[in-house]
Every structure is written in structure tokens, then in C-alpha cells.
N, C-alpha and C. Protein backbone atom coordinates (compact mmCIF):
# COMPACT_ATOMS: atom_id res chain seq x y z
N MET A 1 120.63 30.79 -20.14
CA MET A 1 119.45 30.02 -19.68
C MET A 1 118.30 30.09 -20.69
N LYS A 2 117.68 28.97 -20.87
CA LYS A 2 116.61 28.84 -21.87
C LYS A 2 115.41 29.67 -21.39
N ASN A 3 114.78 30.37 -22.32
CA ASN A 3 113.65 31.15 -21.99
C ASN A 3 112.56 31.02 -23.07
N ILE A 4 111.55 30.12 -22.82
CA ILE A 4 110.61 29.80 -23.79
C ILE A 4 109.74 31.01 -24.13
N GLU A 5 109.54 31.85 -23.15
CA GLU A 5 108.64 33.04 -23.43
C GLU A 5 109.37 34.00 -24.31
N GLU A 6 110.67 34.18 -24.17
CA GLU A 6 111.42 35.07 -24.95
C GLU A 6 111.49 34.44 -26.42
N THR A 7 111.72 33.12 -26.52
CA THR A 7 111.84 32.53 -27.79
C THR A 7 110.45 32.66 -28.62
N ILE A 8 109.31 32.43 -27.83
CA ILE A 8 107.98 32.60 -28.51
C ILE A 8 107.85 34.04 -29.06
N LYS A 9 108.22 35.13 -28.18
CA LYS A 9 108.12 36.49 -28.52
C LYS A 9 108.89 36.74 -29.87
N ASN A 10 110.11 36.26 -29.88
CA ASN A 10 111.00 36.59 -31.05
C ASN A 10 110.51 35.83 -32.31
N LEU A 11 110.08 34.48 -32.11
CA LEU A 11 109.61 33.86 -33.25
C LEU A 11 108.26 34.63 -33.85
N ASN A 12 107.54 35.07 -32.94
CA ASN A 12 106.36 35.80 -33.47
C ASN A 12 106.71 37.09 -34.19
N LYS A 13 107.75 37.74 -33.71
CA LYS A 13 108.26 38.99 -34.32
C LYS A 13 108.73 38.70 -35.74
N ARG A 14 109.22 37.51 -35.95
CA ARG A 14 109.79 37.13 -37.28
C ARG A 14 108.69 36.58 -38.16
N GLY A 15 107.50 36.51 -37.81
CA GLY A 15 106.32 36.18 -38.73
C GLY A 15 105.82 34.82 -38.45
N PHE A 16 106.51 33.99 -37.49
CA PHE A 16 106.00 32.69 -37.23
C PHE A 16 104.86 32.84 -36.20
N THR A 17 104.08 31.72 -36.15
CA THR A 17 103.06 31.70 -35.03
C THR A 17 103.51 30.73 -34.04
N ALA A 18 104.07 31.16 -32.97
CA ALA A 18 104.66 30.32 -31.90
C ALA A 18 103.69 30.07 -30.67
N LYS A 19 103.61 28.95 -30.27
CA LYS A 19 102.81 28.56 -29.11
C LYS A 19 103.50 27.59 -28.13
N ASN A 20 103.21 27.67 -26.94
CA ASN A 20 103.79 26.74 -25.92
C ASN A 20 102.71 25.78 -25.35
N PHE A 21 103.18 24.56 -25.23
CA PHE A 21 102.29 23.50 -24.67
C PHE A 21 102.94 22.81 -23.53
N LYS A 22 102.16 22.62 -22.43
CA LYS A 22 102.81 22.11 -21.20
C LYS A 22 103.29 20.67 -21.31
N ASP A 23 102.63 19.89 -22.27
CA ASP A 23 103.20 18.51 -22.50
C ASP A 23 102.79 17.95 -23.76
N SER A 24 103.32 16.77 -24.13
CA SER A 24 103.08 16.20 -25.43
C SER A 24 101.62 15.93 -25.71
N LYS A 25 100.80 15.55 -24.66
CA LYS A 25 99.42 15.18 -24.84
C LYS A 25 98.63 16.51 -25.45
N LYS A 26 98.93 17.56 -24.87
CA LYS A 26 98.34 18.87 -25.23
C LYS A 26 98.69 19.24 -26.72
N VAL A 27 99.81 19.05 -27.18
CA VAL A 27 100.27 19.38 -28.48
C VAL A 27 99.59 18.48 -29.45
N VAL A 28 99.44 17.20 -29.16
CA VAL A 28 98.82 16.23 -29.98
C VAL A 28 97.24 16.58 -30.15
N GLU A 29 96.59 16.86 -29.01
CA GLU A 29 95.22 17.32 -28.99
C GLU A 29 94.99 18.50 -29.88
N TYR A 30 95.94 19.40 -29.85
CA TYR A 30 95.85 20.64 -30.59
C TYR A 30 95.94 20.37 -32.13
N LEU A 31 96.87 19.48 -32.54
CA LEU A 31 97.07 19.24 -33.90
C LEU A 31 95.84 18.39 -34.42
N VAL A 32 95.32 17.52 -33.57
CA VAL A 32 94.09 16.77 -34.04
C VAL A 32 92.94 17.66 -34.23
N SER A 33 92.85 18.71 -33.39
CA SER A 33 91.76 19.73 -33.51
C SER A 33 91.94 20.58 -34.72
N GLN A 34 93.16 20.79 -35.22
CA GLN A 34 93.43 21.63 -36.33
C GLN A 34 93.28 20.99 -37.72
N LEU A 35 93.67 19.77 -37.70
CA LEU A 35 93.90 19.10 -38.96
C LEU A 35 92.81 17.91 -39.25
N LYS A 36 91.93 18.23 -40.24
CA LYS A 36 90.89 17.25 -40.64
C LYS A 36 90.67 17.37 -42.11
N ASP A 37 90.49 16.26 -42.77
CA ASP A 37 90.22 16.16 -44.23
C ASP A 37 91.27 16.96 -45.08
N THR A 38 92.55 16.74 -44.76
CA THR A 38 93.62 17.38 -45.57
C THR A 38 94.69 16.43 -45.93
N THR A 39 95.71 16.78 -46.62
CA THR A 39 96.82 16.01 -46.93
C THR A 39 97.95 16.50 -46.09
N ILE A 40 98.73 15.53 -45.48
CA ILE A 40 99.81 15.90 -44.54
C ILE A 40 101.06 15.08 -44.93
N GLY A 41 102.21 15.84 -45.07
CA GLY A 41 103.47 15.26 -45.18
C GLY A 41 104.23 15.41 -44.00
N PHE A 42 105.08 14.33 -43.66
CA PHE A 42 105.78 14.34 -42.48
C PHE A 42 107.30 14.35 -42.83
N GLY A 43 108.12 15.13 -42.10
CA GLY A 43 109.57 15.02 -42.28
C GLY A 43 110.04 14.00 -41.32
N GLY A 44 111.33 13.48 -41.71
CA GLY A 44 111.96 12.55 -40.72
C GLY A 44 112.25 13.13 -39.48
N SER A 45 111.71 12.72 -38.37
CA SER A 45 111.74 13.34 -37.10
C SER A 45 111.51 12.47 -35.98
N MET A 46 112.40 12.40 -35.01
CA MET A 46 112.09 11.50 -33.85
C MET A 46 111.05 11.99 -33.03
N THR A 47 110.89 13.43 -32.99
CA THR A 47 109.81 14.06 -32.33
C THR A 47 108.45 13.58 -32.87
N VAL A 48 108.33 13.57 -34.15
CA VAL A 48 107.07 13.18 -34.89
C VAL A 48 106.87 11.67 -34.55
N LYS A 49 107.85 10.85 -34.42
CA LYS A 49 107.74 9.49 -34.11
C LYS A 49 107.35 9.26 -32.63
N GLU A 50 108.00 9.96 -31.76
CA GLU A 50 107.70 9.79 -30.31
C GLU A 50 106.30 10.20 -30.00
N LEU A 51 105.74 11.23 -30.77
CA LEU A 51 104.37 11.69 -30.52
C LEU A 51 103.34 10.78 -31.25
N ASP A 52 103.83 9.86 -32.07
CA ASP A 52 102.95 9.02 -32.90
C ASP A 52 102.00 9.75 -33.82
N LEU A 53 102.46 10.90 -34.38
CA LEU A 53 101.52 11.69 -35.11
C LEU A 53 101.03 11.08 -36.38
N PHE A 54 101.90 10.33 -37.06
CA PHE A 54 101.47 9.68 -38.36
C PHE A 54 100.23 8.89 -38.05
N ASN A 55 100.32 7.94 -37.09
CA ASN A 55 99.09 7.06 -36.80
C ASN A 55 97.84 7.80 -36.19
N ILE A 56 98.11 8.89 -35.50
CA ILE A 56 96.97 9.61 -34.87
C ILE A 56 96.29 10.45 -36.01
N LEU A 57 97.13 11.13 -36.77
CA LEU A 57 96.52 12.04 -37.78
C LEU A 57 95.99 11.31 -39.01
N LYS A 58 96.39 10.16 -39.22
CA LYS A 58 95.83 9.45 -40.34
C LYS A 58 94.33 9.00 -40.21
N GLU A 59 93.75 9.08 -39.06
CA GLU A 59 92.48 8.80 -38.71
C GLU A 59 91.51 9.78 -39.57
N ASN A 60 91.85 11.06 -39.75
CA ASN A 60 90.98 12.00 -40.37
C ASN A 60 91.66 12.76 -41.46
N ASN A 61 92.93 12.19 -41.96
CA ASN A 61 93.57 12.89 -43.07
C ASN A 61 94.22 11.84 -44.01
N GLU A 62 94.76 12.38 -45.13
CA GLU A 62 95.58 11.58 -45.94
C GLU A 62 97.07 11.91 -45.64
N VAL A 63 97.80 10.94 -45.16
CA VAL A 63 99.15 11.12 -44.61
C VAL A 63 100.22 10.41 -45.32
N TYR A 64 101.41 11.13 -45.40
CA TYR A 64 102.47 10.50 -46.16
C TYR A 64 103.77 10.68 -45.21
N TRP A 65 104.49 9.55 -45.15
CA TRP A 65 105.74 9.59 -44.34
C TRP A 65 106.61 8.51 -44.79
N HIS A 66 107.84 8.88 -45.16
CA HIS A 66 108.84 7.82 -45.72
C HIS A 66 109.24 6.94 -44.60
N TRP A 67 109.08 7.16 -43.40
CA TRP A 67 109.38 6.22 -42.39
C TRP A 67 108.38 5.10 -42.17
N GLU A 68 107.23 5.26 -42.74
CA GLU A 68 106.11 4.29 -42.53
C GLU A 68 105.65 3.72 -43.92
N GLN A 69 106.02 4.40 -44.97
CA GLN A 69 105.49 3.98 -46.36
C GLN A 69 106.70 3.76 -47.25
N ASP A 70 106.38 3.41 -48.54
CA ASP A 70 107.45 3.36 -49.57
C ASP A 70 108.11 4.62 -49.53
N VAL A 71 109.48 4.56 -49.48
CA VAL A 71 110.32 5.78 -49.21
C VAL A 71 110.14 6.79 -50.31
N GLU A 72 110.36 6.50 -51.59
CA GLU A 72 110.32 7.46 -52.59
C GLU A 72 108.89 7.96 -52.95
N GLU A 73 107.92 7.10 -52.87
CA GLU A 73 106.59 7.40 -53.10
C GLU A 73 106.07 8.35 -52.05
N ALA A 74 106.44 8.09 -50.75
CA ALA A 74 106.10 8.90 -49.66
C ALA A 74 106.65 10.28 -49.74
N ARG A 75 107.93 10.38 -50.09
CA ARG A 75 108.66 11.65 -50.26
C ARG A 75 108.03 12.51 -51.26
N ILE A 76 107.68 11.97 -52.41
CA ILE A 76 106.99 12.69 -53.43
C ILE A 76 105.66 13.20 -53.04
N ASN A 77 104.87 12.28 -52.41
CA ASN A 77 103.51 12.73 -51.95
C ASN A 77 103.67 13.73 -50.94
N SER A 78 104.58 13.63 -50.01
CA SER A 78 104.74 14.73 -48.95
C SER A 78 105.03 15.99 -49.62
N SER A 79 105.76 16.07 -50.63
CA SER A 79 106.18 17.32 -51.22
C SER A 79 105.03 17.99 -51.85
N HIS A 80 103.85 17.23 -52.18
CA HIS A 80 102.73 17.82 -52.76
C HIS A 80 101.62 18.03 -51.74
N ALA A 81 101.72 17.64 -50.54
CA ALA A 81 100.80 17.73 -49.51
C ALA A 81 100.49 19.22 -49.16
N ASP A 82 99.32 19.56 -48.68
CA ASP A 82 98.94 20.99 -48.23
C ASP A 82 99.65 21.29 -46.99
N VAL A 83 99.81 20.32 -46.13
CA VAL A 83 100.35 20.57 -44.74
C VAL A 83 101.67 19.79 -44.51
N TYR A 84 102.64 20.29 -43.83
CA TYR A 84 103.84 19.62 -43.57
C TYR A 84 104.17 19.71 -42.03
N ILE A 85 104.43 18.58 -41.49
CA ILE A 85 104.80 18.53 -40.05
C ILE A 85 106.20 17.94 -39.95
N THR A 86 107.06 18.77 -39.13
CA THR A 86 108.31 18.19 -38.90
C THR A 86 108.85 18.73 -37.55
N SER A 87 110.07 18.66 -37.24
CA SER A 87 110.68 19.28 -36.06
C SER A 87 111.82 20.13 -36.46
N ALA A 88 112.66 20.63 -35.53
CA ALA A 88 113.77 21.44 -35.85
C ALA A 88 114.92 20.88 -35.13
N ASN A 89 116.18 21.02 -35.79
CA ASN A 89 117.35 20.63 -35.09
C ASN A 89 117.74 21.47 -34.01
N ALA A 90 117.35 22.81 -34.18
CA ALA A 90 117.68 23.79 -33.07
C ALA A 90 116.85 25.04 -33.46
N ILE A 91 116.43 25.69 -32.29
CA ILE A 91 115.80 26.97 -32.38
C ILE A 91 116.50 28.05 -31.45
N ALA A 92 116.93 29.10 -31.92
CA ALA A 92 117.53 30.13 -31.06
C ALA A 92 116.50 30.93 -30.37
N GLN A 93 116.80 31.37 -29.11
CA GLN A 93 115.93 32.29 -28.44
C GLN A 93 115.67 33.58 -29.22
N THR A 94 116.59 33.91 -30.11
CA THR A 94 116.51 35.12 -30.97
C THR A 94 115.56 34.80 -32.13
N GLY A 95 115.05 33.63 -32.29
CA GLY A 95 114.01 33.37 -33.27
C GLY A 95 114.41 32.72 -34.61
N GLU A 96 115.71 32.27 -34.63
CA GLU A 96 116.02 31.54 -35.91
C GLU A 96 115.77 30.05 -35.76
N ILE A 97 115.35 29.35 -36.82
CA ILE A 97 115.11 27.89 -36.77
C ILE A 97 116.12 27.29 -37.74
N ILE A 98 116.80 26.32 -37.33
CA ILE A 98 117.87 25.59 -38.06
C ILE A 98 117.50 24.13 -38.22
N ASN A 99 117.72 23.68 -39.55
CA ASN A 99 117.50 22.21 -39.83
C ASN A 99 118.59 21.77 -40.73
N ILE A 100 119.11 20.58 -40.55
CA ILE A 100 120.09 19.94 -41.43
C ILE A 100 119.42 18.71 -42.09
N ASP A 101 119.72 18.44 -43.31
CA ASP A 101 119.08 17.44 -44.05
C ASP A 101 120.08 16.68 -45.01
N GLY A 102 119.76 15.40 -45.27
CA GLY A 102 120.66 14.58 -46.14
C GLY A 102 120.14 14.48 -47.58
N PHE A 103 118.80 14.28 -47.65
CA PHE A 103 118.06 14.09 -48.98
C PHE A 103 117.48 15.42 -49.44
N GLY A 104 117.12 16.31 -48.58
CA GLY A 104 116.63 17.66 -48.93
C GLY A 104 115.17 17.65 -48.92
N ASN A 105 114.38 16.57 -48.83
CA ASN A 105 112.91 16.55 -48.80
C ASN A 105 112.38 17.33 -47.56
N ARG A 106 112.95 17.15 -46.47
CA ARG A 106 112.47 17.86 -45.20
C ARG A 106 112.67 19.34 -45.31
N ILE A 107 113.89 19.74 -45.67
CA ILE A 107 114.16 21.19 -45.58
C ILE A 107 113.33 21.82 -46.85
N ALA A 108 113.27 21.18 -47.94
CA ALA A 108 112.49 21.72 -49.10
C ALA A 108 111.08 22.01 -48.71
N SER A 109 110.42 21.09 -48.01
CA SER A 109 109.05 21.27 -47.75
C SER A 109 108.82 22.30 -46.58
N THR A 110 109.84 22.80 -45.99
CA THR A 110 109.68 23.83 -45.03
C THR A 110 109.90 25.20 -45.69
N LEU A 111 110.16 25.25 -46.87
CA LEU A 111 110.52 26.45 -47.61
C LEU A 111 109.48 26.91 -48.60
N TYR A 112 108.90 25.88 -49.23
CA TYR A 112 107.97 26.22 -50.36
C TYR A 112 106.95 25.14 -50.61
N GLY A 113 105.79 25.61 -51.19
CA GLY A 113 104.78 24.69 -51.67
C GLY A 113 103.76 24.15 -50.73
N LYS A 114 103.74 24.80 -49.48
CA LYS A 114 102.83 24.25 -48.40
C LYS A 114 101.83 25.37 -48.09
N LYS A 115 100.62 24.97 -47.76
CA LYS A 115 99.65 26.06 -47.14
C LYS A 115 100.04 26.31 -45.67
N LYS A 116 100.56 25.24 -45.09
CA LYS A 116 100.92 25.37 -43.54
C LYS A 116 102.01 24.46 -43.26
N VAL A 117 102.80 24.96 -42.40
CA VAL A 117 104.00 24.10 -41.82
C VAL A 117 103.90 24.15 -40.43
N TYR A 118 104.10 23.02 -39.69
CA TYR A 118 104.18 22.90 -38.29
C TYR A 118 105.59 22.36 -37.93
N PHE A 119 106.30 23.14 -37.04
CA PHE A 119 107.52 22.68 -36.32
C PHE A 119 107.09 22.34 -34.98
N VAL A 120 107.22 21.02 -34.66
CA VAL A 120 106.85 20.56 -33.27
C VAL A 120 108.24 20.32 -32.56
N VAL A 121 108.53 21.06 -31.42
CA VAL A 121 109.85 20.87 -30.80
C VAL A 121 109.65 20.82 -29.39
N GLY A 122 110.57 19.98 -28.80
CA GLY A 122 110.72 19.97 -27.32
C GLY A 122 111.65 21.12 -26.92
N LYS A 123 111.52 21.40 -25.54
CA LYS A 123 112.28 22.61 -25.05
C LYS A 123 113.84 22.31 -25.20
N ASN A 124 114.25 20.99 -25.26
CA ASN A 124 115.62 20.74 -25.52
C ASN A 124 116.26 21.30 -26.68
N LYS A 125 115.52 21.63 -27.62
CA LYS A 125 115.96 22.21 -29.00
C LYS A 125 116.26 23.65 -28.86
N ILE A 126 115.86 24.33 -27.83
CA ILE A 126 115.96 25.81 -27.70
C ILE A 126 117.32 26.06 -27.04
N VAL A 127 118.05 26.90 -27.69
CA VAL A 127 119.34 27.43 -27.20
C VAL A 127 119.36 28.94 -27.20
N GLU A 128 120.31 29.56 -26.66
CA GLU A 128 120.29 31.04 -26.47
C GLU A 128 120.51 31.90 -27.72
N THR A 129 121.49 31.54 -28.53
CA THR A 129 121.89 32.39 -29.66
C THR A 129 121.82 31.60 -30.91
N TYR A 130 121.95 32.32 -32.03
CA TYR A 130 122.04 31.74 -33.40
C TYR A 130 123.20 30.82 -33.47
N ASP A 131 124.40 31.30 -33.06
CA ASP A 131 125.66 30.41 -32.99
C ASP A 131 125.35 29.15 -32.16
N ASP A 132 124.72 29.21 -31.06
CA ASP A 132 124.43 28.09 -30.28
C ASP A 132 123.50 27.06 -31.01
N ALA A 133 122.52 27.67 -31.73
CA ALA A 133 121.62 26.84 -32.60
C ALA A 133 122.48 26.10 -33.64
N LEU A 134 123.32 26.84 -34.37
CA LEU A 134 124.06 26.16 -35.36
C LEU A 134 125.03 25.13 -34.85
N TYR A 135 125.53 25.39 -33.65
CA TYR A 135 126.35 24.32 -33.10
C TYR A 135 125.58 23.08 -32.71
N ARG A 136 124.36 23.31 -32.06
CA ARG A 136 123.57 22.25 -31.68
C ARG A 136 123.09 21.41 -32.90
N ALA A 137 122.74 22.03 -33.99
CA ALA A 137 122.25 21.20 -35.09
C ALA A 137 123.40 20.39 -35.66
N ARG A 138 124.65 20.96 -35.76
CA ARG A 138 125.75 20.25 -36.34
C ARG A 138 126.46 19.23 -35.34
N ASN A 139 126.41 19.53 -34.07
CA ASN A 139 127.26 18.71 -33.17
C ASN A 139 126.41 17.89 -32.13
N ILE A 140 125.18 18.02 -32.13
CA ILE A 140 124.30 17.22 -31.27
C ILE A 140 123.23 16.49 -32.17
N ALA A 141 122.38 17.23 -32.68
CA ALA A 141 121.34 16.52 -33.47
C ALA A 141 121.81 15.70 -34.59
N ALA A 142 122.72 16.25 -35.48
CA ALA A 142 123.07 15.53 -36.64
C ALA A 142 123.81 14.18 -36.28
N PRO A 143 124.90 14.29 -35.35
CA PRO A 143 125.51 13.06 -34.94
C PRO A 143 124.59 12.05 -34.29
N LEU A 144 123.58 12.45 -33.53
CA LEU A 144 122.71 11.56 -32.85
C LEU A 144 121.84 10.79 -33.93
N ASN A 145 121.40 11.59 -34.97
CA ASN A 145 120.68 10.95 -36.07
C ASN A 145 121.56 10.07 -36.92
N ALA A 146 122.84 10.45 -37.08
CA ALA A 146 123.85 9.49 -37.75
C ALA A 146 123.99 8.19 -37.03
N ARG A 147 124.04 8.28 -35.67
CA ARG A 147 124.15 7.04 -34.84
C ARG A 147 122.91 6.18 -34.97
N ARG A 148 121.80 6.88 -34.91
CA ARG A 148 120.46 6.09 -35.02
C ARG A 148 120.35 5.42 -36.33
N LEU A 149 120.95 5.97 -37.42
CA LEU A 149 120.93 5.38 -38.73
C LEU A 149 122.04 4.41 -38.91
N ASN A 150 122.89 4.24 -37.97
CA ASN A 150 124.12 3.48 -38.03
C ASN A 150 124.96 3.84 -39.28
N SER A 151 125.14 5.20 -39.52
CA SER A 151 125.89 5.65 -40.66
C SER A 151 127.37 5.37 -40.36
N LYS A 152 128.13 5.21 -41.49
CA LYS A 152 129.47 4.95 -41.38
C LYS A 152 130.20 6.39 -41.48
N THR A 153 130.08 7.06 -40.44
CA THR A 153 130.58 8.40 -40.48
C THR A 153 131.34 8.71 -39.18
N PRO A 154 132.32 9.62 -39.05
CA PRO A 154 133.10 9.75 -37.92
C PRO A 154 132.21 10.10 -36.74
N CYS A 155 131.18 11.01 -36.96
CA CYS A 155 130.30 11.43 -35.90
C CYS A 155 129.47 10.21 -35.32
N ALA A 156 129.17 9.33 -36.12
CA ALA A 156 128.37 8.20 -35.64
C ALA A 156 129.16 7.22 -34.88
N LYS A 157 130.52 7.13 -35.24
CA LYS A 157 131.37 6.08 -34.61
C LYS A 157 132.20 6.63 -33.47
N GLY A 158 132.46 7.97 -33.51
CA GLY A 158 133.34 8.50 -32.54
C GLY A 158 132.79 9.57 -31.67
N GLU A 159 133.58 10.60 -31.46
CA GLU A 159 133.07 11.75 -30.63
C GLU A 159 131.86 12.36 -31.16
N LEU A 160 131.00 12.76 -30.34
CA LEU A 160 129.66 13.39 -30.78
C LEU A 160 130.01 14.82 -31.21
N LYS A 161 130.41 14.97 -32.38
CA LYS A 161 130.64 16.33 -33.02
C LYS A 161 130.64 16.16 -34.48
N CYS A 162 130.57 17.25 -35.25
CA CYS A 162 130.63 17.16 -36.70
C CYS A 162 132.11 17.29 -36.99
N HIS A 163 132.56 16.35 -37.86
CA HIS A 163 133.89 16.18 -38.34
C HIS A 163 134.08 16.80 -39.72
N ASP A 164 132.99 17.45 -40.27
CA ASP A 164 132.92 17.96 -41.52
C ASP A 164 133.48 16.95 -42.61
N CYS A 165 133.07 15.73 -42.48
CA CYS A 165 133.66 14.50 -43.26
C CYS A 165 133.28 14.60 -44.69
N SER A 166 133.98 13.74 -45.44
CA SER A 166 133.58 13.50 -46.89
C SER A 166 132.98 12.14 -47.11
N SER A 167 132.52 11.52 -46.04
CA SER A 167 131.99 10.24 -46.18
C SER A 167 130.75 10.10 -47.08
N PRO A 168 130.66 9.14 -47.99
CA PRO A 168 129.47 9.01 -48.82
C PRO A 168 128.13 8.83 -47.97
N ALA A 169 128.33 8.44 -46.72
CA ALA A 169 127.21 8.17 -45.90
C ALA A 169 126.78 9.40 -45.05
N ARG A 170 127.49 10.47 -45.31
CA ARG A 170 127.15 11.75 -44.53
C ARG A 170 125.67 12.09 -44.65
N ILE A 171 125.08 12.36 -43.56
CA ILE A 171 123.64 12.73 -43.56
C ILE A 171 123.41 14.16 -43.60
N CYS A 172 124.45 15.01 -43.36
CA CYS A 172 124.26 16.46 -43.33
C CYS A 172 124.85 17.00 -44.60
N LYS A 173 123.92 17.13 -45.60
CA LYS A 173 124.31 17.58 -46.89
C LYS A 173 123.81 19.09 -47.11
N GLY A 174 122.80 19.46 -46.38
CA GLY A 174 122.27 20.76 -46.61
C GLY A 174 121.90 21.35 -45.26
N LEU A 175 121.93 22.57 -45.07
CA LEU A 175 121.46 23.32 -43.84
C LEU A 175 120.69 24.44 -44.17
N VAL A 176 119.49 24.58 -43.49
CA VAL A 176 118.62 25.69 -43.83
C VAL A 176 118.43 26.52 -42.50
N VAL A 177 118.53 27.82 -42.59
CA VAL A 177 118.18 28.77 -41.54
C VAL A 177 117.03 29.56 -41.91
N LEU A 178 115.87 29.46 -41.16
CA LEU A 178 114.73 30.29 -41.38
C LEU A 178 114.83 31.50 -40.47
N TRP A 179 115.08 32.59 -41.07
CA TRP A 179 115.11 33.92 -40.35
C TRP A 179 113.72 34.49 -40.18
N GLY A 180 112.69 33.81 -40.96
CA GLY A 180 111.29 34.35 -40.79
C GLY A 180 110.43 33.47 -41.71
N LYS A 181 109.21 33.63 -41.63
CA LYS A 181 108.24 32.84 -42.46
C LYS A 181 108.47 33.23 -43.88
N MET A 182 108.54 32.15 -44.74
CA MET A 182 108.70 32.39 -46.18
C MET A 182 107.50 33.11 -46.74
N HIS A 183 107.61 34.05 -47.71
CA HIS A 183 106.49 34.73 -48.24
C HIS A 183 105.52 33.74 -48.91
N SER A 184 105.88 32.63 -49.41
CA SER A 184 105.01 31.73 -50.07
C SER A 184 104.07 30.94 -49.01
N MET A 185 104.40 30.97 -47.82
CA MET A 185 103.69 30.23 -46.84
C MET A 185 102.51 30.99 -46.16
N GLU A 186 101.32 30.35 -46.11
CA GLU A 186 100.23 31.04 -45.44
C GLU A 186 100.50 31.28 -43.95
N GLU A 187 100.95 30.11 -43.32
CA GLU A 187 101.32 30.13 -41.96
C GLU A 187 102.27 29.10 -41.54
N VAL A 188 103.21 29.42 -40.69
CA VAL A 188 104.16 28.52 -40.13
C VAL A 188 104.06 28.63 -38.56
N GLU A 189 103.53 27.43 -38.00
CA GLU A 189 103.43 27.41 -36.55
C GLU A 189 104.57 26.64 -35.94
N VAL A 190 105.13 27.27 -34.86
CA VAL A 190 106.16 26.55 -34.06
C VAL A 190 105.54 26.17 -32.65
N LEU A 191 105.37 24.88 -32.47
CA LEU A 191 104.68 24.36 -31.28
C LEU A 191 105.74 23.86 -30.38
N ILE A 192 105.99 24.62 -29.31
CA ILE A 192 107.08 24.27 -28.30
C ILE A 192 106.38 23.53 -27.15
N ILE A 193 106.94 22.31 -26.94
CA ILE A 193 106.55 21.52 -25.78
C ILE A 193 107.42 21.67 -24.59
N ASP A 194 106.81 21.89 -23.44
CA ASP A 194 107.71 22.04 -22.20
C ASP A 194 108.18 20.70 -21.73
N GLU A 195 108.70 19.99 -22.58
CA GLU A 195 109.34 18.65 -22.28
C GLU A 195 110.47 18.35 -23.30
N GLU A 196 111.40 17.53 -22.76
CA GLU A 196 112.53 17.15 -23.72
C GLU A 196 112.07 16.00 -24.56
N ILE A 197 112.14 16.16 -25.81
CA ILE A 197 111.60 15.20 -26.76
C ILE A 197 112.34 15.26 -28.13
N GLY A 198 112.65 14.22 -28.76
CA GLY A 198 113.52 14.16 -29.94
C GLY A 198 114.92 14.46 -29.81
N TYR A 199 115.65 14.67 -30.87
CA TYR A 199 117.15 14.87 -30.78
C TYR A 199 117.33 16.39 -31.05
């Protein structure tokens, strides 16, 4: 059974700053209150899109997102931004954060070069164990994203699971597990919304 309180406790023990929000509106209000006059990069994320964070936060910040701007230019600018906002493919109640990426820009920016990183996640991303989180990232989140992108991969066309394929269109080229906040980061906040949002 999912336990947000236990997840937050374990994320905090690992050096992250984890917080719970009752709904999407509250998390958006929080981010607006925290981010002014800074540069923000966004990772590819349905959660970010559903919350409309790019349009909301561009009011008071310089923002970069390859889903809304020139792809290569936005990826480069995002990599140099002070703040990075993305989601996670899965979070274990034990505190591990897992993300899969095809180009590497999203996972790279959660590892190095930022003053602050925010992971914005719905409660649907939380699972009990590390093994469950790895399974969710590979067999639920990645295939759903492949389908969204109309990828010519077995997971996009067939059964919702990772086939560990060798397709050139494969979107899962790299996987990152954060066991804790990287030493180079000033702060990594995990904002958990008590709603199902994103993949």
C-alpha cells in the first residue's frame, strides 16, 4: 500500500527536501512563490505539461523547454539554467528516485550543474520498493511515453512492457537512480501531489 508520509520521511533521510501538496493548484502556487527572476529549465514531462508550469513560470522567469521552443537550443539553455523542473518515472517509498531518458538531457540536469532541482510527482508515481520503482519506470512510464511519441518500438505497438528492444526509435537509452541528493546540488525538492498526474 502506498504511504506518502513514509515516502517523504525516507526521501528526507536521503538528503532530499520532500513535501506533500493536497492538489495541483497548491503545488503550482508554491512554485510561483519560490521562483522569481531566475533561469528555469524543464525536462520532458507530462506532469509539467498538465500543470502548465512553462506558461505560468515564464511570467517572472527566463524559461527553457524543448517541448515549447526550438528543441536543440532549449535543451542547451536548460542545461545552463540555475533551476531545473521535471518529474520522475517512479519513486520508491524507501526513497529512491528513478528516471529513464532517451536523449540524456533530462537525467543529466538532475545530476549536475543546478542550484536547485524540483521533482514534481503525482501519487501514482509512488510504489513500495526499489524493485517496484524500477519495474514501474521500465514497464509503465516508458511504454506510455513511447506510445505518446508514436515510437516504432514493441512497447508502443504491443503489450505495455519493456521488451529490451534494439529499435533505433527506443526512448529508454539511460536510467538514473538517485539514492540521495548529489553533493553538487544545493537543494533537491520532491513535491508530491496527492493526485494522479502524468505517466
